[in-house]
Amino acid sequence: EDSSDFYLEIGMMQTYYLIIRKVNELDIRFHRKTSQDLRMQRNEVRLCVAIGYIEEH
């Protein structure tokens, strides 16, 4: 499940939410890659927030 708000103009805020309900190794790798990609984009935006939440039942 994911939701995001995209602002295409430089200097605007980008927020990404990723909720993983059932964890497997691929999910963890995907989350790490997403976090790495967002860190590389920080020079293009004023604020970039990535919230990764893993929820197990």
Protein backbone atom coordinates (compact mmCIF):
# COMPACT_ATOMS: atom_id res chain seq x y z
CA GLU A 1 0.00 0.00 0.00
CA ASP A 2 1.48 3.35 -0.88
CA SER A 3 0.46 6.95 -1.28
CA SER A 4 2.40 9.99 -2.32
CA ASP A 5 2.09 13.65 -3.14
CA PHE A 6 4.18 14.84 -6.06
CA TYR A 7 5.24 18.43 -6.55
CA LEU A 8 7.22 18.73 -9.74
CA GLU A 9 8.66 22.19 -9.11
CA ILE A 10 12.17 22.44 -7.68
CA GLY A 11 12.20 23.41 -4.02
CA MET A 12 8.80 21.96 -3.18
CA MET A 13 8.23 19.22 -0.64
CA GLN A 14 7.94 15.56 -1.61
CA THR A 15 6.45 13.00 0.77
CA TYR A 16 6.33 9.25 0.23
CA TYR A 17 4.58 6.67 2.41
CA LEU A 18 5.23 2.96 2.11
CA ILE A 19 3.38 0.46 4.30
CA ILE A 20 4.41 -3.19 4.06
CA ARG A 21 1.91 -5.54 5.68
CA LYS A 22 3.69 -8.84 5.09
CA VAL A 23 7.46 -8.68 5.08
CA ASN A 24 9.76 -10.71 2.89
CA GLU A 25 13.35 -10.22 1.78
CA LEU A 26 12.32 -8.55 -1.48
CA ASP A 27 10.25 -5.96 0.43
CA ILE A 28 13.25 -5.10 2.62
CA ARG A 29 15.51 -4.71 -0.42
CA PHE A 30 12.91 -2.55 -2.15
CA HIS A 31 12.60 -0.33 0.92
CA ARG A 32 16.39 0.11 1.13
CA LYS A 33 16.62 0.98 -2.57
CA THR A 34 13.77 3.47 -2.30
CA SER A 35 15.43 5.13 0.70
CA GLN A 36 18.72 5.34 -1.18
CA ASP A 37 17.05 6.88 -4.24
CA LEU A 38 15.30 9.47 -2.07
CA ARG A 39 18.59 10.44 -0.40
CA MET A 40 20.11 11.06 -3.84
CA GLN A 41 17.20 13.35 -4.78
CA ARG A 42 17.49 15.59 -1.71
CA ASN A 43 19.66 18.15 -3.48
CA GLU A 44 16.73 18.83 -5.85
CA VAL A 45 14.04 19.45 -3.23
CA ARG A 46 13.81 21.56 -0.11
CA LEU A 47 12.48 18.71 2.03
CA CYS A 48 12.10 15.04 1.20
CA VAL A 49 10.44 12.79 3.76
CA ALA A 50 10.37 9.02 3.39
CA ILE A 51 8.35 7.03 5.91
CA GLY A 52 8.73 3.27 5.71
CA TYR A 53 6.59 1.32 8.12
CA ILE A 54 6.67 -2.45 8.37
CA GLU A 55 3.63 -3.97 10.04
CA GLU A 56 3.40 -7.68 10.81
CA HIS A 57 0.25 -9.49 11.92
